[in-house]
ModelCIF file with pLDDT and N, C-alpha, C, O atoms, coordinates in Angstrom:
data_MODEL
#
_entry.id   MODEL 
#
_entity.id                         1 
_entity.type                       polymer 
_entity.pdbx_number_of_molecules   1 
#
_entity_poly.entity_id                      1 
_entity_poly.type                           'polypeptide(L)' 
_entity_poly.nstd_linkage                   no 
_entity_poly.nstd_monomer                   no 
_entity_poly.pdbx_seq_one_letter_code       PVPRSLNSDISYFGVGGKQAVFFVGQSARMISKP 
_entity_poly.pdbx_seq_one_letter_code_can   PVPRSLNSDISYFGVGGKQAVFFVGQSARMISKP 
_entity_poly.pdbx_strand_id                 A 
#
loop_
_entity_poly_seq.entity_id 
_entity_poly_seq.num 
_entity_poly_seq.mon_id 
_entity_poly_seq.hetero 
1 1  PRO n 
1 2  VAL n 
1 3  PRO n 
1 4  ARG n 
1 5  SER n 
1 6  LEU n 
1 7  ASN n 
1 8  SER n 
1 9  ASP n 
1 10 ILE n 
1 11 SER n 
1 12 TYR n 
1 13 PHE n 
1 14 GLY n 
1 15 VAL n 
1 16 GLY n 
1 17 GLY n 
1 18 LYS n 
1 19 GLN n 
1 20 ALA n 
1 21 VAL n 
1 22 PHE n 
1 23 PHE n 
1 24 VAL n 
1 25 GLY n 
1 26 GLN n 
1 27 SER n 
1 28 ALA n 
1 29 ARG n 
1 30 MET n 
1 31 ILE n 
1 32 SER n 
1 33 LYS n 
1 34 PRO n 
#
_struct_asym.id          A 
_struct_asym.entity_id   1 
#
loop_
_ma_qa_metric.id 
_ma_qa_metric.mode 
_ma_qa_metric.name 
_ma_qa_metric.software_group_id 
_ma_qa_metric.type 
1 global pLDDT . pLDDT 
2 local  pLDDT . pLDDT 
#
_ma_qa_metric_global.metric_id      1 
_ma_qa_metric_global.metric_value   67.35 
_ma_qa_metric_global.model_id       1 
_ma_qa_metric_global.ordinal_id     1 
#
loop_
_ma_qa_metric_local.label_asym_id 
_ma_qa_metric_local.label_comp_id 
_ma_qa_metric_local.label_seq_id 
_ma_qa_metric_local.metric_id 
_ma_qa_metric_local.metric_value 
_ma_qa_metric_local.model_id 
_ma_qa_metric_local.ordinal_id 
A PRO 1  2 55.00 1 1  
A VAL 2  2 52.00 1 2  
A PRO 3  2 53.00 1 3  
A ARG 4  2 50.00 1 4  
A SER 5  2 50.00 1 5  
A LEU 6  2 51.00 1 6  
A ASN 7  2 50.00 1 7  
A SER 8  2 50.00 1 8  
A ASP 9  2 53.00 1 9  
A ILE 10 2 54.00 1 10 
A SER 11 2 49.00 1 11 
A TYR 12 2 45.00 1 12 
A PHE 13 2 39.00 1 13 
A GLY 14 2 44.00 1 14 
A VAL 15 2 45.00 1 15 
A GLY 16 2 63.00 1 16 
A GLY 17 2 71.00 1 17 
A LYS 18 2 71.00 1 18 
A GLN 19 2 73.00 1 19 
A ALA 20 2 76.00 1 20 
A VAL 21 2 80.00 1 21 
A PHE 22 2 77.00 1 22 
A PHE 23 2 76.00 1 23 
A VAL 24 2 80.00 1 24 
A GLY 25 2 82.00 1 25 
A GLN 26 2 83.00 1 26 
A SER 27 2 85.00 1 27 
A ALA 28 2 86.00 1 28 
A ARG 29 2 90.00 1 29 
A MET 30 2 90.00 1 30 
A ILE 31 2 93.00 1 31 
A SER 32 2 93.00 1 32 
A LYS 33 2 92.00 1 33 
A PRO 34 2 89.00 1 34 
#
loop_
_atom_site.group_PDB 
_atom_site.id 
_atom_site.type_symbol 
_atom_site.label_atom_id 
_atom_site.label_alt_id 
_atom_site.label_comp_id 
_atom_site.label_asym_id 
_atom_site.label_entity_id 
_atom_site.label_seq_id 
_atom_site.pdbx_PDB_ins_code 
_atom_site.Cartn_x 
_atom_site.Cartn_y 
_atom_site.Cartn_z 
_atom_site.occupancy 
_atom_site.B_iso_or_equiv 
_atom_site.pdbx_formal_charge 
_atom_site.auth_seq_id 
_atom_site.auth_comp_id 
_atom_site.auth_asym_id 
_atom_site.auth_atom_id 
_atom_site.pdbx_PDB_model_num 
ATOM 1   N N  . PRO A 1 1  ? 99.061  81.284  94.089  1.00 55.00 ? 1  PRO A N  1 
ATOM 2   C CA . PRO A 1 1  ? 98.150  80.844  95.161  1.00 55.00 ? 1  PRO A CA 1 
ATOM 3   C C  . PRO A 1 1  ? 98.831  79.878  96.118  1.00 55.00 ? 1  PRO A C  1 
ATOM 4   O O  . PRO A 1 1  ? 98.730  78.661  95.969  1.00 55.00 ? 1  PRO A O  1 
ATOM 5   N N  . VAL A 1 2  ? 99.525  80.438  97.104  1.00 52.00 ? 2  VAL A N  1 
ATOM 6   C CA . VAL A 1 2  ? 100.167 79.650  98.155  1.00 52.00 ? 2  VAL A CA 1 
ATOM 7   C C  . VAL A 1 2  ? 99.579  80.115  99.485  1.00 52.00 ? 2  VAL A C  1 
ATOM 8   O O  . VAL A 1 2  ? 98.847  81.104  99.507  1.00 52.00 ? 2  VAL A O  1 
ATOM 9   N N  . PRO A 1 3  ? 99.875  79.433  100.594 1.00 53.00 ? 3  PRO A N  1 
ATOM 10  C CA . PRO A 1 3  ? 99.327  79.875  101.884 1.00 53.00 ? 3  PRO A CA 1 
ATOM 11  C C  . PRO A 1 3  ? 99.560  81.357  102.119 1.00 53.00 ? 3  PRO A C  1 
ATOM 12  O O  . PRO A 1 3  ? 100.647 81.874  101.859 1.00 53.00 ? 3  PRO A O  1 
ATOM 13  N N  . ARG A 1 4  ? 98.560  82.019  102.600 1.00 50.00 ? 4  ARG A N  1 
ATOM 14  C CA . ARG A 1 4  ? 98.609  83.479  102.686 1.00 50.00 ? 4  ARG A CA 1 
ATOM 15  C C  . ARG A 1 4  ? 99.739  83.966  103.584 1.00 50.00 ? 4  ARG A C  1 
ATOM 16  O O  . ARG A 1 4  ? 100.203 85.095  103.420 1.00 50.00 ? 4  ARG A O  1 
ATOM 17  N N  . SER A 1 5  ? 100.194 83.146  104.527 1.00 50.00 ? 5  SER A N  1 
ATOM 18  C CA . SER A 1 5  ? 101.300 83.568  105.375 1.00 50.00 ? 5  SER A CA 1 
ATOM 19  C C  . SER A 1 5  ? 102.592 83.754  104.573 1.00 50.00 ? 5  SER A C  1 
ATOM 20  O O  . SER A 1 5  ? 103.486 84.480  105.008 1.00 50.00 ? 5  SER A O  1 
ATOM 21  N N  . LEU A 1 6  ? 102.700 83.103  103.404 1.00 51.00 ? 6  LEU A N  1 
ATOM 22  C CA . LEU A 1 6  ? 103.867 83.249  102.547 1.00 51.00 ? 6  LEU A CA 1 
ATOM 23  C C  . LEU A 1 6  ? 103.577 84.153  101.359 1.00 51.00 ? 6  LEU A C  1 
ATOM 24  O O  . LEU A 1 6  ? 104.399 84.279  100.451 1.00 51.00 ? 6  LEU A O  1 
ATOM 25  N N  . ASN A 1 7  ? 102.445 84.760  101.365 1.00 50.00 ? 7  ASN A N  1 
ATOM 26  C CA . ASN A 1 7  ? 101.874 85.396  100.206 1.00 50.00 ? 7  ASN A CA 1 
ATOM 27  C C  . ASN A 1 7  ? 101.813 86.902  100.420 1.00 50.00 ? 7  ASN A C  1 
ATOM 28  O O  . ASN A 1 7  ? 102.264 87.411  101.445 1.00 50.00 ? 7  ASN A O  1 
ATOM 29  N N  . SER A 1 8  ? 101.262 87.597  99.462  1.00 50.00 ? 8  SER A N  1 
ATOM 30  C CA . SER A 1 8  ? 100.829 88.961  99.688  1.00 50.00 ? 8  SER A CA 1 
ATOM 31  C C  . SER A 1 8  ? 99.304  88.883  99.733  1.00 50.00 ? 8  SER A C  1 
ATOM 32  O O  . SER A 1 8  ? 98.753  87.842  100.092 1.00 50.00 ? 8  SER A O  1 
ATOM 33  N N  . ASP A 1 9  ? 98.637  89.932  99.386  1.00 53.00 ? 9  ASP A N  1 
ATOM 34  C CA . ASP A 1 9  ? 97.174  89.993  99.414  1.00 53.00 ? 9  ASP A CA 1 
ATOM 35  C C  . ASP A 1 9  ? 96.609  90.035  100.830 1.00 53.00 ? 9  ASP A C  1 
ATOM 36  O O  . ASP A 1 9  ? 95.408  89.841  101.012 1.00 53.00 ? 9  ASP A O  1 
ATOM 37  N N  . ILE A 1 10 ? 97.449  90.284  101.838 1.00 54.00 ? 10 ILE A N  1 
ATOM 38  C CA . ILE A 1 10 ? 96.887  90.558  103.156 1.00 54.00 ? 10 ILE A CA 1 
ATOM 39  C C  . ILE A 1 10 ? 95.943  91.746  103.023 1.00 54.00 ? 10 ILE A C  1 
ATOM 40  O O  . ILE A 1 10 ? 94.812  91.725  103.509 1.00 54.00 ? 10 ILE A O  1 
ATOM 41  N N  . SER A 1 11 ? 96.444  92.793  102.345 1.00 49.00 ? 11 SER A N  1 
ATOM 42  C CA . SER A 1 11 ? 95.624  93.973  102.098 1.00 49.00 ? 11 SER A CA 1 
ATOM 43  C C  . SER A 1 11 ? 95.030  93.844  100.697 1.00 49.00 ? 11 SER A C  1 
ATOM 44  O O  . SER A 1 11 ? 95.511  94.467  99.750  1.00 49.00 ? 11 SER A O  1 
ATOM 45  N N  . TYR A 1 12 ? 93.992  93.041  100.575 1.00 45.00 ? 12 TYR A N  1 
ATOM 46  C CA . TYR A 1 12 ? 93.478  92.668  99.258  1.00 45.00 ? 12 TYR A CA 1 
ATOM 47  C C  . TYR A 1 12 ? 93.019  93.876  98.456  1.00 45.00 ? 12 TYR A C  1 
ATOM 48  O O  . TYR A 1 12 ? 93.173  93.902  97.234  1.00 45.00 ? 12 TYR A O  1 
ATOM 49  N N  . PHE A 1 13 ? 92.460  94.872  99.125  1.00 39.00 ? 13 PHE A N  1 
ATOM 50  C CA . PHE A 1 13 ? 91.941  96.021  98.385  1.00 39.00 ? 13 PHE A CA 1 
ATOM 51  C C  . PHE A 1 13 ? 92.942  97.173  98.338  1.00 39.00 ? 13 PHE A C  1 
ATOM 52  O O  . PHE A 1 13 ? 92.636  98.232  97.788  1.00 39.00 ? 13 PHE A O  1 
ATOM 53  N N  . GLY A 1 14 ? 94.128  96.983  98.904  1.00 44.00 ? 14 GLY A N  1 
ATOM 54  C CA . GLY A 1 14 ? 95.135  98.043  98.850  1.00 44.00 ? 14 GLY A CA 1 
ATOM 55  C C  . GLY A 1 14 ? 94.756  99.269  99.643  1.00 44.00 ? 14 GLY A C  1 
ATOM 56  O O  . GLY A 1 14 ? 95.191  100.374 99.317  1.00 44.00 ? 14 GLY A O  1 
ATOM 57  N N  . VAL A 1 15 ? 93.950  99.098  100.685 1.00 45.00 ? 15 VAL A N  1 
ATOM 58  C CA . VAL A 1 15 ? 93.455  100.271 101.402 1.00 45.00 ? 15 VAL A CA 1 
ATOM 59  C C  . VAL A 1 15 ? 94.093  100.424 102.770 1.00 45.00 ? 15 VAL A C  1 
ATOM 60  O O  . VAL A 1 15 ? 93.898  101.451 103.420 1.00 45.00 ? 15 VAL A O  1 
ATOM 61  N N  . GLY A 1 16 ? 94.855  99.429  103.231 1.00 63.00 ? 16 GLY A N  1 
ATOM 62  C CA . GLY A 1 16 ? 95.219  99.411  104.628 1.00 63.00 ? 16 GLY A CA 1 
ATOM 63  C C  . GLY A 1 16 ? 96.553  99.999  105.002 1.00 63.00 ? 16 GLY A C  1 
ATOM 64  O O  . GLY A 1 16 ? 96.777  100.297 106.175 1.00 63.00 ? 16 GLY A O  1 
ATOM 65  N N  . GLY A 1 17 ? 97.465  100.182 104.036 1.00 71.00 ? 17 GLY A N  1 
ATOM 66  C CA . GLY A 1 17 ? 98.801  100.622 104.385 1.00 71.00 ? 17 GLY A CA 1 
ATOM 67  C C  . GLY A 1 17 ? 98.831  101.940 105.130 1.00 71.00 ? 17 GLY A C  1 
ATOM 68  O O  . GLY A 1 17 ? 99.462  102.044 106.182 1.00 71.00 ? 17 GLY A O  1 
ATOM 69  N N  . LYS A 1 18 ? 98.164  102.938 104.604 1.00 71.00 ? 18 LYS A N  1 
ATOM 70  C CA . LYS A 1 18 ? 98.147  104.236 105.271 1.00 71.00 ? 18 LYS A CA 1 
ATOM 71  C C  . LYS A 1 18 ? 97.324  104.180 106.558 1.00 71.00 ? 18 LYS A C  1 
ATOM 72  O O  . LYS A 1 18 ? 97.664  104.827 107.548 1.00 71.00 ? 18 LYS A O  1 
ATOM 73  N N  . GLN A 1 19 ? 96.242  103.403 106.534 1.00 73.00 ? 19 GLN A N  1 
ATOM 74  C CA . GLN A 1 19 ? 95.448  103.218 107.750 1.00 73.00 ? 19 GLN A CA 1 
ATOM 75  C C  . GLN A 1 19 ? 96.333  102.663 108.858 1.00 73.00 ? 19 GLN A C  1 
ATOM 76  O O  . GLN A 1 19 ? 96.297  103.143 109.991 1.00 73.00 ? 19 GLN A O  1 
ATOM 77  N N  . ALA A 1 20 ? 97.130  101.646 108.521 1.00 76.00 ? 20 ALA A N  1 
ATOM 78  C CA . ALA A 1 20 ? 97.978  100.999 109.519 1.00 76.00 ? 20 ALA A CA 1 
ATOM 79  C C  . ALA A 1 20 ? 99.036  101.965 110.041 1.00 76.00 ? 20 ALA A C  1 
ATOM 80  O O  . ALA A 1 20 ? 99.279  102.039 111.246 1.00 76.00 ? 20 ALA A O  1 
ATOM 81  N N  . VAL A 1 21 ? 99.663  102.704 109.128 1.00 80.00 ? 21 VAL A N  1 
ATOM 82  C CA . VAL A 1 21 ? 100.705 103.638 109.527 1.00 80.00 ? 21 VAL A CA 1 
ATOM 83  C C  . VAL A 1 21 ? 100.175 104.632 110.550 1.00 80.00 ? 21 VAL A C  1 
ATOM 84  O O  . VAL A 1 21 ? 100.798 104.866 111.586 1.00 80.00 ? 21 VAL A O  1 
ATOM 85  N N  . PHE A 1 22 ? 99.022  105.210 110.250 1.00 77.00 ? 22 PHE A N  1 
ATOM 86  C CA . PHE A 1 22 ? 98.509  106.256 111.123 1.00 77.00 ? 22 PHE A CA 1 
ATOM 87  C C  . PHE A 1 22 ? 97.725  105.688 112.306 1.00 77.00 ? 22 PHE A C  1 
ATOM 88  O O  . PHE A 1 22 ? 97.331  106.433 113.203 1.00 77.00 ? 22 PHE A O  1 
ATOM 89  N N  . PHE A 1 23 ? 97.496  104.379 112.314 1.00 76.00 ? 23 PHE A N  1 
ATOM 90  C CA . PHE A 1 23 ? 96.969  103.729 113.510 1.00 76.00 ? 23 PHE A CA 1 
ATOM 91  C C  . PHE A 1 23 ? 98.101  103.494 114.504 1.00 76.00 ? 23 PHE A C  1 
ATOM 92  O O  . PHE A 1 23 ? 97.932  103.674 115.710 1.00 76.00 ? 23 PHE A O  1 
ATOM 93  N N  . VAL A 1 24 ? 99.267  103.087 113.978 1.00 80.00 ? 24 VAL A N  1 
ATOM 94  C CA . VAL A 1 24 ? 100.409 102.770 114.842 1.00 80.00 ? 24 VAL A CA 1 
ATOM 95  C C  . VAL A 1 24 ? 101.147 104.038 115.263 1.00 80.00 ? 24 VAL A C  1 
ATOM 96  O O  . VAL A 1 24 ? 101.576 104.150 116.411 1.00 80.00 ? 24 VAL A O  1 
ATOM 97  N N  . GLY A 1 25 ? 101.299 104.990 114.346 1.00 82.00 ? 25 GLY A N  1 
ATOM 98  C CA . GLY A 1 25 ? 102.108 106.169 114.642 1.00 82.00 ? 25 GLY A CA 1 
ATOM 99  C C  . GLY A 1 25 ? 101.583 107.425 113.989 1.00 82.00 ? 25 GLY A C  1 
ATOM 100 O O  . GLY A 1 25 ? 100.450 107.479 113.509 1.00 82.00 ? 25 GLY A O  1 
ATOM 101 N N  . GLN A 1 26 ? 102.445 108.444 113.982 1.00 83.00 ? 26 GLN A N  1 
ATOM 102 C CA . GLN A 1 26 ? 102.057 109.763 113.487 1.00 83.00 ? 26 GLN A CA 1 
ATOM 103 C C  . GLN A 1 26 ? 102.617 110.089 112.109 1.00 83.00 ? 26 GLN A C  1 
ATOM 104 O O  . GLN A 1 26 ? 102.191 111.058 111.481 1.00 83.00 ? 26 GLN A O  1 
ATOM 105 N N  . SER A 1 27 ? 103.565 109.291 111.636 1.00 85.00 ? 27 SER A N  1 
ATOM 106 C CA . SER A 1 27 ? 104.165 109.600 110.341 1.00 85.00 ? 27 SER A CA 1 
ATOM 107 C C  . SER A 1 27 ? 104.734 108.334 109.723 1.00 85.00 ? 27 SER A C  1 
ATOM 108 O O  . SER A 1 27 ? 104.926 107.326 110.403 1.00 85.00 ? 27 SER A O  1 
ATOM 109 N N  . ALA A 1 28 ? 105.000 108.402 108.426 1.00 86.00 ? 28 ALA A N  1 
ATOM 110 C CA . ALA A 1 28 ? 105.570 107.276 107.686 1.00 86.00 ? 28 ALA A CA 1 
ATOM 111 C C  . ALA A 1 28 ? 106.743 107.777 106.857 1.00 86.00 ? 28 ALA A C  1 
ATOM 112 O O  . ALA A 1 28 ? 106.695 108.866 106.285 1.00 86.00 ? 28 ALA A O  1 
ATOM 113 N N  . ARG A 1 29 ? 107.799 106.967 106.801 1.00 90.00 ? 29 ARG A N  1 
ATOM 114 C CA . ARG A 1 29 ? 108.942 107.266 105.937 1.00 90.00 ? 29 ARG A CA 1 
ATOM 115 C C  . ARG A 1 29 ? 109.277 105.995 105.172 1.00 90.00 ? 29 ARG A C  1 
ATOM 116 O O  . ARG A 1 29 ? 109.613 104.972 105.769 1.00 90.00 ? 29 ARG A O  1 
ATOM 117 N N  . MET A 1 30 ? 109.184 106.063 103.856 1.00 90.00 ? 30 MET A N  1 
ATOM 118 C CA . MET A 1 30 ? 109.494 104.913 103.009 1.00 90.00 ? 30 MET A CA 1 
ATOM 119 C C  . MET A 1 30 ? 110.734 105.241 102.188 1.00 90.00 ? 30 MET A C  1 
ATOM 120 O O  . MET A 1 30 ? 110.772 106.250 101.483 1.00 90.00 ? 30 MET A O  1 
ATOM 121 N N  . ILE A 1 31 ? 111.756 104.375 102.284 1.00 93.00 ? 31 ILE A N  1 
ATOM 122 C CA . ILE A 1 31 ? 112.987 104.543 101.535 1.00 93.00 ? 31 ILE A CA 1 
ATOM 123 C C  . ILE A 1 31 ? 113.141 103.332 100.638 1.00 93.00 ? 31 ILE A C  1 
ATOM 124 O O  . ILE A 1 31 ? 113.119 102.199 101.120 1.00 93.00 ? 31 ILE A O  1 
ATOM 125 N N  . SER A 1 32 ? 113.297 103.551 99.338  1.00 93.00 ? 32 SER A N  1 
ATOM 126 C CA . SER A 1 32 ? 113.283 102.442 98.394  1.00 93.00 ? 32 SER A CA 1 
ATOM 127 C C  . SER A 1 32 ? 114.250 102.693 97.251  1.00 93.00 ? 32 SER A C  1 
ATOM 128 O O  . SER A 1 32 ? 114.362 103.811 96.747  1.00 93.00 ? 32 SER A O  1 
ATOM 129 N N  . LYS A 1 33 ? 114.947 101.636 96.850  1.00 92.00 ? 33 LYS A N  1 
ATOM 130 C CA . LYS A 1 33 ? 115.831 101.694 95.693  1.00 92.00 ? 33 LYS A CA 1 
ATOM 131 C C  . LYS A 1 33 ? 115.410 100.603 94.714  1.00 92.00 ? 33 LYS A C  1 
ATOM 132 O O  . LYS A 1 33 ? 115.568 99.420  95.017  1.00 92.00 ? 33 LYS A O  1 
ATOM 133 N N  . PRO A 1 34 ? 114.879 100.967 93.548  1.00 89.00 ? 34 PRO A N  1 
ATOM 134 C CA . PRO A 1 34 ? 114.535 99.945  92.552  1.00 89.00 ? 34 PRO A CA 1 
ATOM 135 C C  . PRO A 1 34 ? 115.763 99.126  92.187  1.00 89.00 ? 34 PRO A C  1 
ATOM 136 O O  . PRO A 1 34 ? 115.676 98.216  91.363  1.00 89.00 ? 34 PRO A O  1 
#
């Protein structure tokens, strides 16, 4: 529990990532290496 600007939980319900992607653009590409 630190100031939210340094935190996560912006998308508290986990519903906004895809909404945001398709609001800003037409496609999403995620590249990740554990």
